[in-house]
Amino acid sequence: MRQIFLDTETTGLSADNGDRIIEIGCVELFNRKLTGNNKHFYLNPGRDSHEEALKVHGISNEFLQDKPKFEAVADELLEYLQGAEIIIHNAAFDVGFLTKELALIGRPAFKEFAASVTDTLVMAKEMFPGKRNSLDALCSRLGVDNSGRTRHGALLDAELLADVYINLTRGQDALLIDLGASESAGPSVVQIDLRALVLPVLAANEQEIAAHDDVLKQIDKASGGKTLWQRAPA
């Protein structure tokens, strides 16, 4: 399975009001492994970045003056993305900008060129309801080293997002590995006598019980009160 982690930097927050893309970063995974086949473009947007945007990405207007226009890299980018699952954090923002850039050069909407688009922000909100789910917050929560991220950068953010995604879906990966191992084991069975084994019973303490109850409440809230244990008899 081929996956592309994509991020953009822009002159501002509104493609509909004339803001443009100034940087695109893409990181490729194949079967959940980094391939090194990445793409990175700086683009001349034909306009200056807003002051607040400059504070976020730090890419000066002067630096972008000799960079190519989006039209010059569009074919290379679209060929690279063709057929892959595109994974973006807050996909509506980046897809909106890419669709606007494509419209300006008479091309179809961005989703026409991707097998699918996955939004890791939506995934994170489902997994961690009520918590901060920015890229920085997820890096901190999942143990991803983002110490080099003093400012936003499309390629660095795409690399961090790939690491975050692998951590978000690690349980699924482990399940697939376990299933594969059991299938390949064949009919051979090793018999072990466990009758003499005595397992200690460790009761949960009050703090652990409270933490467990809190997790159950969060899951119930995220499901809209549809969890079955809430209706189970005491």
C-alpha atoms as a PDB file:
ATOM      1  CA  MET A   1       0.000   0.000   0.000  1.00  0.00           C
ATOM      2  CA  ARG A   2       1.433   3.368  -1.075  1.00  0.00           C
ATOM      3  CA  GLN A   3       0.775   6.356   1.163  1.00  0.00           C
ATOM      4  CA  ILE A   4       1.844   9.976   0.731  1.00  0.00           C
ATOM      5  CA  PHE A   5       1.967  12.329   3.728  1.00  0.00           C
ATOM      6  CA  LEU A   6       1.441  15.864   2.481  1.00  0.00           C
ATOM      7  CA  ASP A   7       1.681  19.325   3.989  1.00  0.00           C
ATOM      8  CA  THR A   8       1.622  22.862   2.614  1.00  0.00           C
ATOM      9  CA  GLU A   9       2.602  26.335   3.757  1.00  0.00           C
ATOM     10  CA  THR A  10       0.656  29.320   2.453  1.00  0.00           C
ATOM     11  CA  THR A  11       0.643  33.115   2.317  1.00  0.00           C
ATOM     12  CA  GLY A  12      -2.402  33.189   4.613  1.00  0.00           C
ATOM     13  CA  LEU A  13      -5.481  31.311   5.691  1.00  0.00           C
ATOM     14  CA  SER A  14      -7.968  31.853   2.855  1.00  0.00           C
ATOM     15  CA  ALA A  15      -7.559  30.411  -0.629  1.00  0.00           C
ATOM     16  CA  ASP A  16     -10.894  31.953  -1.618  1.00  0.00           C
ATOM     17  CA  ASN A  17      -9.575  35.410  -0.740  1.00  0.00           C
ATOM     18  CA  GLY A  18      -6.444  35.068  -2.868  1.00  0.00           C
ATOM     19  CA  ASP A  19      -3.921  33.391  -0.578  1.00  0.00           C
ATOM     20  CA  ARG A  20      -1.569  30.963  -2.336  1.00  0.00           C
ATOM     21  CA  ILE A  21       0.658  27.981  -1.612  1.00  0.00           C
ATOM     22  CA  ILE A  22       4.350  28.739  -1.082  1.00  0.00           C
ATOM     23  CA  GLU A  23       5.652  25.292  -0.061  1.00  0.00           C
ATOM     24  CA  ILE A  24       4.631  21.652  -0.577  1.00  0.00           C
ATOM     25  CA  GLY A  25       6.224  18.732   1.238  1.00  0.00           C
ATOM     26  CA  CYS A  26       5.470  15.051   0.566  1.00  0.00           C
ATOM     27  CA  VAL A  27       6.814  11.922   2.277  1.00  0.00           C
ATOM     28  CA  GLU A  28       6.210   8.449   0.810  1.00  0.00           C
ATOM     29  CA  LEU A  29       5.555   5.249   2.740  1.00  0.00           C
ATOM     30  CA  PHE A  30       5.136   1.855   1.115  1.00  0.00           C
ATOM     31  CA  ASN A  31       3.800  -0.933   3.323  1.00  0.00           C
ATOM     32  CA  ARG A  32       4.329   1.386   6.322  1.00  0.00           C
ATOM     33  CA  LYS A  33       8.030   1.874   5.561  1.00  0.00           C
ATOM     34  CA  LEU A  34       9.726   5.119   4.533  1.00  0.00           C
ATOM     35  CA  THR A  35      11.013   4.874   0.973  1.00  0.00           C
ATOM     36  CA  GLY A  36      13.001   8.122   0.737  1.00  0.00           C
ATOM     37  CA  ASN A  37      11.056   8.956  -2.434  1.00  0.00           C
ATOM     38  CA  ASN A  38       9.897  12.362  -1.181  1.00  0.00           C
ATOM     39  CA  LYS A  39       8.926  15.575  -2.968  1.00  0.00           C
ATOM     40  CA  HIS A  40       9.562  19.154  -1.861  1.00  0.00           C
ATOM     41  CA  PHE A  41       8.748  22.393  -3.660  1.00  0.00           C
ATOM     42  CA  TYR A  42       9.093  26.070  -2.793  1.00  0.00           C
ATOM     43  CA  LEU A  43       6.737  28.168  -4.939  1.00  0.00           C
ATOM     44  CA  ASN A  44       6.488  31.786  -5.997  1.00  0.00           C
ATOM     45  CA  PRO A  45       2.910  32.734  -5.060  1.00  0.00           C
ATOM     46  CA  GLY A  46       2.892  36.011  -6.947  1.00  0.00           C
ATOM     47  CA  ARG A  47       1.963  37.907  -3.773  1.00  0.00           C
ATOM     48  CA  ASP A  48       3.375  38.615  -0.326  1.00  0.00           C
ATOM     49  CA  SER A  49       2.648  36.516   2.745  1.00  0.00           C
ATOM     50  CA  HIS A  50       0.581  38.031   5.531  1.00  0.00           C
ATOM     51  CA  GLU A  51       2.572  39.123   8.567  1.00  0.00           C
ATOM     52  CA  GLU A  52       0.952  36.475  10.769  1.00  0.00           C
ATOM     53  CA  ALA A  53       1.742  33.743   8.231  1.00  0.00           C
ATOM     54  CA  LEU A  54       5.388  34.870   8.134  1.00  0.00           C
ATOM     55  CA  LYS A  55       5.562  34.384  11.895  1.00  0.00           C
ATOM     56  CA  VAL A  56       4.384  30.794  11.437  1.00  0.00           C
ATOM     57  CA  HIS A  57       6.583  29.584   8.555  1.00  0.00           C
ATOM     58  CA  GLY A  58       9.355  32.210   8.379  1.00  0.00           C
ATOM     59  CA  ILE A  59       9.638  31.924   4.569  1.00  0.00           C
ATOM     60  CA  SER A  60      10.395  35.429   3.322  1.00  0.00           C
ATOM     61  CA  ASN A  61       8.845  36.992   0.227  1.00  0.00           C
ATOM     62  CA  GLU A  62      12.354  37.694  -1.111  1.00  0.00           C
ATOM     63  CA  PHE A  63      13.348  34.006  -0.841  1.00  0.00           C
ATOM     64  CA  LEU A  64      10.392  32.983  -3.007  1.00  0.00           C
ATOM     65  CA  GLN A  65      10.920  35.477  -5.821  1.00  0.00           C
ATOM     66  CA  ASP A  66      13.033  33.156  -7.996  1.00  0.00           C
ATOM     67  CA  LYS A  67      11.061  29.994  -7.222  1.00  0.00           C
ATOM     68  CA  PRO A  68       8.764  28.337  -9.814  1.00  0.00           C
ATOM     69  CA  LYS A  69       5.045  29.009 -10.050  1.00  0.00           C
ATOM     70  CA  PHE A  70       2.630  26.221  -9.089  1.00  0.00           C
ATOM     71  CA  GLU A  71       1.824  25.630 -12.758  1.00  0.00           C
ATOM     72  CA  ALA A  72       5.456  24.691 -13.415  1.00  0.00           C
ATOM     73  CA  VAL A  73       5.450  21.833 -10.885  1.00  0.00           C
ATOM     74  CA  ALA A  74       1.805  20.711 -11.140  1.00  0.00           C
ATOM     75  CA  ASP A  75       2.366  17.806 -13.546  1.00  0.00           C
ATOM     76  CA  GLU A  76       5.314  16.452 -11.548  1.00  0.00           C
ATOM     77  CA  LEU A  77       3.339  16.691  -8.297  1.00  0.00           C
ATOM     78  CA  LEU A  78       0.182  15.073  -9.683  1.00  0.00           C
ATOM     79  CA  GLU A  79       2.088  12.228 -11.317  1.00  0.00           C
ATOM     80  CA  TYR A  80       3.813  11.574  -7.979  1.00  0.00           C
ATOM     81  CA  LEU A  81       0.503  11.542  -6.071  1.00  0.00           C
ATOM     82  CA  GLN A  82      -1.410   9.467  -8.629  1.00  0.00           C
ATOM     83  CA  GLY A  83      -3.122   6.438  -7.108  1.00  0.00           C
ATOM     84  CA  ALA A  84      -1.777   6.891  -3.571  1.00  0.00           C
ATOM     85  CA  GLU A  85      -3.653   7.351  -0.318  1.00  0.00           C
ATOM     86  CA  ILE A  86      -2.964  10.967   0.635  1.00  0.00           C
ATOM     87  CA  ILE A  87      -2.692  11.578   4.374  1.00  0.00           C
ATOM     88  CA  ILE A  88      -2.967  15.158   5.668  1.00  0.00           C
ATOM     89  CA  HIS A  89      -3.453  16.749   9.075  1.00  0.00           C
ATOM     90  CA  ASN A  90      -6.483  19.043   8.798  1.00  0.00           C
ATOM     91  CA  ALA A  91      -7.039  17.938   5.212  1.00  0.00           C
ATOM     92  CA  ALA A  92      -9.772  20.465   4.439  1.00  0.00           C
ATOM     93  CA  PHE A  93      -7.224  23.299   4.617  1.00  0.00           C
ATOM     94  CA  ASP A  94      -4.550  21.802   2.342  1.00  0.00           C
ATOM     95  CA  VAL A  95      -7.005  20.198  -0.088  1.00  0.00           C
ATOM     96  CA  GLY A  96      -8.855  23.511  -0.380  1.00  0.00           C
ATOM     97  CA  PHE A  97      -5.652  25.335  -1.304  1.00  0.00           C
ATOM     98  CA  LEU A  98      -4.510  22.634  -3.751  1.00  0.00           C
ATOM     99  CA  THR A  99      -7.924  22.583  -5.427  1.00  0.00           C
ATOM    100  CA  LYS A 100      -7.808  26.378  -5.799  1.00  0.00           C
ATOM    101  CA  GLU A 101      -4.305  26.249  -7.314  1.00  0.00           C
ATOM    102  CA  LEU A 102      -5.443  23.569  -9.763  1.00  0.00           C
ATOM    103  CA  ALA A 103      -8.550  25.553 -10.697  1.00  0.00           C
ATOM    104  CA  LEU A 104      -6.380  28.572 -11.523  1.00  0.00           C
ATOM    105  CA  ILE A 105      -4.585  26.513 -14.183  1.00  0.00           C
ATOM    106  CA  GLY A 106      -7.752  24.860 -15.481  1.00  0.00           C
ATOM    107  CA  ARG A 107      -7.301  21.461 -13.824  1.00  0.00           C
ATOM    108  CA  PRO A 108      -9.849  19.278 -11.948  1.00  0.00           C
ATOM    109  CA  ALA A 109     -10.176  19.275  -8.159  1.00  0.00           C
ATOM    110  CA  PHE A 110      -7.353  17.746  -6.134  1.00  0.00           C
ATOM    111  CA  LYS A 111      -9.326  14.663  -5.049  1.00  0.00           C
ATOM    112  CA  GLU A 112      -9.610  13.602  -8.686  1.00  0.00           C
ATOM    113  CA  PHE A 113      -5.905  12.717  -8.595  1.00  0.00           C
ATOM    114  CA  ALA A 114      -5.792  10.779  -5.309  1.00  0.00           C
ATOM    115  CA  ALA A 115      -6.990   7.266  -4.553  1.00  0.00           C
ATOM    116  CA  SER A 116      -8.262   8.624  -1.226  1.00  0.00           C
ATOM    117  CA  VAL A 117      -7.608  11.381   1.298  1.00  0.00           C
ATOM    118  CA  THR A 118      -7.247  10.579   5.008  1.00  0.00           C
ATOM    119  CA  ASP A 119      -7.422  13.322   7.637  1.00  0.00           C
ATOM    120  CA  THR A 120      -5.321  12.529  10.715  1.00  0.00           C
ATOM    121  CA  LEU A 121      -6.986  15.373  12.616  1.00  0.00           C
ATOM    122  CA  VAL A 122     -10.319  13.540  12.306  1.00  0.00           C
ATOM    123  CA  MET A 123      -8.623  10.308  13.383  1.00  0.00           C
ATOM    124  CA  ALA A 124      -7.041  11.981  16.413  1.00  0.00           C
ATOM    125  CA  LYS A 125     -10.304  13.600  17.516  1.00  0.00           C
ATOM    126  CA  GLU A 126     -11.973  10.189  17.474  1.00  0.00           C
ATOM    127  CA  MET A 127      -9.142   8.612  19.451  1.00  0.00           C
ATOM    128  CA  PHE A 128      -8.576  11.485  21.899  1.00  0.00           C
ATOM    129  CA  PRO A 129     -11.915  13.289  22.298  1.00  0.00           C
ATOM    130  CA  GLY A 130     -11.767  16.545  24.206  1.00  0.00           C
ATOM    131  CA  LYS A 131      -7.966  16.814  23.957  1.00  0.00           C
ATOM    132  CA  ARG A 132      -5.702  19.075  21.906  1.00  0.00           C
ATOM    133  CA  ASN A 133      -4.932  17.333  18.628  1.00  0.00           C
ATOM    134  CA  SER A 134      -2.572  19.701  16.841  1.00  0.00           C
ATOM    135  CA  LEU A 135       0.508  18.110  15.257  1.00  0.00           C
ATOM    136  CA  ASP A 136       2.676  19.346  18.144  1.00  0.00           C
ATOM    137  CA  ALA A 137       0.219  17.982  20.723  1.00  0.00           C
ATOM    138  CA  LEU A 138       0.144  14.574  19.009  1.00  0.00           C
ATOM    139  CA  CYS A 139       3.942  14.466  18.810  1.00  0.00           C
ATOM    140  CA  SER A 140       4.102  15.087  22.551  1.00  0.00           C
ATOM    141  CA  ARG A 141       1.379  12.548  23.355  1.00  0.00           C
ATOM    142  CA  LEU A 142       2.815   9.806  21.125  1.00  0.00           C
ATOM    143  CA  GLY A 143       6.493  10.322  21.897  1.00  0.00           C
ATOM    144  CA  VAL A 144       7.469  11.698  18.473  1.00  0.00           C
ATOM    145  CA  ASP A 145      10.544  13.939  18.603  1.00  0.00           C
ATOM    146  CA  ASN A 146       9.610  17.350  17.181  1.00  0.00           C
ATOM    147  CA  SER A 147      12.422  19.308  18.846  1.00  0.00           C
ATOM    148  CA  GLY A 148      13.565  20.524  15.414  1.00  0.00           C
ATOM    149  CA  ARG A 149      10.208  22.151  14.693  1.00  0.00           C
ATOM    150  CA  THR A 150      10.862  25.747  15.743  1.00  0.00           C
ATOM    151  CA  ARG A 151       8.666  26.918  12.840  1.00  0.00           C
ATOM    152  CA  HIS A 152       6.267  25.228  10.465  1.00  0.00           C
ATOM    153  CA  GLY A 153       7.836  23.708   7.346  1.00  0.00           C
ATOM    154  CA  ALA A 154       5.997  21.544   4.822  1.00  0.00           C
ATOM    155  CA  LEU A 155       8.573  18.771   4.454  1.00  0.00           C
ATOM    156  CA  LEU A 156       9.423  18.570   8.162  1.00  0.00           C
ATOM    157  CA  ASP A 157       5.734  18.548   9.089  1.00  0.00           C
ATOM    158  CA  ALA A 158       5.038  15.787   6.553  1.00  0.00           C
ATOM    159  CA  GLU A 159       7.863  13.721   8.086  1.00  0.00           C
ATOM    160  CA  LEU A 160       6.489  14.273  11.597  1.00  0.00           C
ATOM    161  CA  LEU A 161       2.983  13.412  10.409  1.00  0.00           C
ATOM    162  CA  ALA A 162       4.205  10.093   8.989  1.00  0.00           C
ATOM    163  CA  ASP A 163       5.711   9.245  12.385  1.00  0.00           C
ATOM    164  CA  VAL A 164       2.528  10.329  14.192  1.00  0.00           C
ATOM    165  CA  TYR A 165       0.369   8.231  11.846  1.00  0.00           C
ATOM    166  CA  ILE A 166       2.458   5.105  12.404  1.00  0.00           C
ATOM    167  CA  ASN A 167       2.040   5.595  16.151  1.00  0.00           C
ATOM    168  CA  LEU A 168      -1.705   6.283  15.843  1.00  0.00           C
ATOM    169  CA  THR A 169      -2.207   3.044  13.914  1.00  0.00           C
ATOM    170  CA  ARG A 170       0.426   0.884  15.598  1.00  0.00           C
ATOM    171  CA  GLY A 171      -2.210  -1.277  17.288  1.00  0.00           C
ATOM    172  CA  GLN A 172      -3.690  -2.175  13.907  1.00  0.00           C
ATOM    173  CA  ASP A 173      -0.234  -3.022  12.612  1.00  0.00           C
ATOM    174  CA  ALA A 174       0.525  -5.239  15.600  1.00  0.00           C
ATOM    175  CA  LEU A 175      -2.776  -7.081  15.079  1.00  0.00           C
ATOM    176  CA  LEU A 176      -1.931  -7.765  11.449  1.00  0.00           C
ATOM    177  CA  ILE A 177       1.518  -9.042  12.423  1.00  0.00           C
ATOM    178  CA  ASP A 178       0.007 -11.383  15.031  1.00  0.00           C
ATOM    179  CA  LEU A 179      -2.531 -12.750  12.551  1.00  0.00           C
ATOM    180  CA  GLY A 180       0.144 -13.311   9.958  1.00  0.00           C
ATOM    181  CA  ALA A 181       2.348 -15.154  12.444  1.00  0.00           C
ATOM    182  CA  SER A 182      -0.480 -17.471  13.501  1.00  0.00           C
ATOM    183  CA  GLU A 183      -1.352 -18.314   9.900  1.00  0.00           C
ATOM    184  CA  SER A 184       2.231 -19.123   9.002  1.00  0.00           C
ATOM    185  CA  ALA A 185       2.736 -21.283  12.088  1.00  0.00           C
ATOM    186  CA  GLY A 186       0.959 -24.251  10.458  1.00  0.00           C
ATOM    187  CA  PRO A 187      -0.579 -27.185  12.312  1.00  0.00           C
ATOM    188  CA  SER A 188       2.353 -27.694  14.714  1.00  0.00           C
ATOM    189  CA  VAL A 189       1.270 -27.393  18.390  1.00  0.00           C
ATOM    190  CA  VAL A 190       3.596 -27.236  21.387  1.00  0.00           C
ATOM    191  CA  GLN A 191       1.988 -28.602  24.561  1.00  0.00           C
ATOM    192  CA  ILE A 192       2.931 -27.029  27.893  1.00  0.00           C
ATOM    193  CA  ASP A 193       1.640 -28.222  31.276  1.00  0.00           C
ATOM    194  CA  LEU A 194       0.434 -25.098  33.116  1.00  0.00           C
ATOM    195  CA  ARG A 195      -1.288 -26.867  36.019  1.00  0.00           C
ATOM    196  CA  ALA A 196       1.490 -26.061  38.467  1.00  0.00           C
ATOM    197  CA  LEU A 197       1.608 -22.410  37.488  1.00  0.00           C
ATOM    198  CA  VAL A 198       0.124 -20.056  40.088  1.00  0.00           C
ATOM    199  CA  LEU A 199      -0.670 -16.573  38.813  1.00  0.00           C
ATOM    200  CA  PRO A 200      -0.815 -13.708  41.332  1.00  0.00           C
ATOM    201  CA  VAL A 201      -4.017 -11.652  41.343  1.00  0.00           C
ATOM    202  CA  LEU A 202      -3.312  -7.919  41.523  1.00  0.00           C
ATOM    203  CA  ALA A 203      -6.368  -5.839  42.383  1.00  0.00           C
ATOM    204  CA  ALA A 204      -6.619  -2.344  40.928  1.00  0.00           C
ATOM    205  CA  ASN A 205      -6.074   0.486  43.386  1.00  0.00           C
ATOM    206  CA  GLU A 206      -8.420   3.463  43.758  1.00  0.00           C
ATOM    207  CA  GLN A 207      -6.394   5.661  41.389  1.00  0.00           C
ATOM    208  CA  GLU A 208      -6.388   2.972  38.674  1.00  0.00           C
ATOM    209  CA  ILE A 209     -10.128   2.381  39.080  1.00  0.00           C
ATOM    210  CA  ALA A 210     -10.802   6.116  38.791  1.00  0.00           C
ATOM    211  CA  ALA A 211      -8.619   6.359  35.674  1.00  0.00           C
ATOM    212  CA  HIS A 212     -10.460   3.387  34.147  1.00  0.00           C
ATOM    213  CA  ASP A 213     -13.846   4.972  34.866  1.00  0.00           C
ATOM    214  CA  ASP A 214     -12.654   8.220  33.261  1.00  0.00           C
ATOM    215  CA  VAL A 215     -11.639   6.398  30.058  1.00  0.00           C
ATOM    216  CA  LEU A 216     -15.040   4.666  29.917  1.00  0.00           C
ATOM    217  CA  LYS A 217     -16.801   8.019  30.294  1.00  0.00           C
ATOM    218  CA  GLN A 218     -14.712   9.518  27.458  1.00  0.00           C
ATOM    219  CA  ILE A 219     -15.525   6.577  25.172  1.00  0.00           C
ATOM    220  CA  ASP A 220     -19.221   6.842  26.014  1.00  0.00           C
ATOM    221  CA  LYS A 221     -19.192  10.596  25.345  1.00  0.00           C
ATOM    222  CA  ALA A 222     -17.424  10.115  21.989  1.00  0.00           C
ATOM    223  CA  SER A 223     -20.044   7.525  20.952  1.00  0.00           C
ATOM    224  CA  GLY A 224     -22.955   9.830  21.817  1.00  0.00           C
ATOM    225  CA  GLY A 225     -24.013   7.698  24.788  1.00  0.00           C
ATOM    226  CA  LYS A 226     -24.318   4.502  22.741  1.00  0.00           C
ATOM    227  CA  THR A 227     -21.916   2.285  24.677  1.00  0.00           C
ATOM    228  CA  LEU A 228     -23.417  -1.068  25.655  1.00  0.00           C
ATOM    229  CA  TRP A 229     -22.038  -1.217  29.175  1.00  0.00           C
ATOM    230  CA  GLN A 230     -24.141   1.814  30.133  1.00  0.00           C
ATOM    231  CA  ARG A 231     -27.243  -0.293  29.474  1.00  0.00           C
ATOM    232  CA  ALA A 232     -25.925  -3.507  31.014  1.00  0.00           C
ATOM    233  CA  PRO A 233     -27.638  -4.615  34.279  1.00  0.00           C
ATOM    234  CA  ALA A 234     -25.628  -3.912  37.461  1.00  0.00           C
END
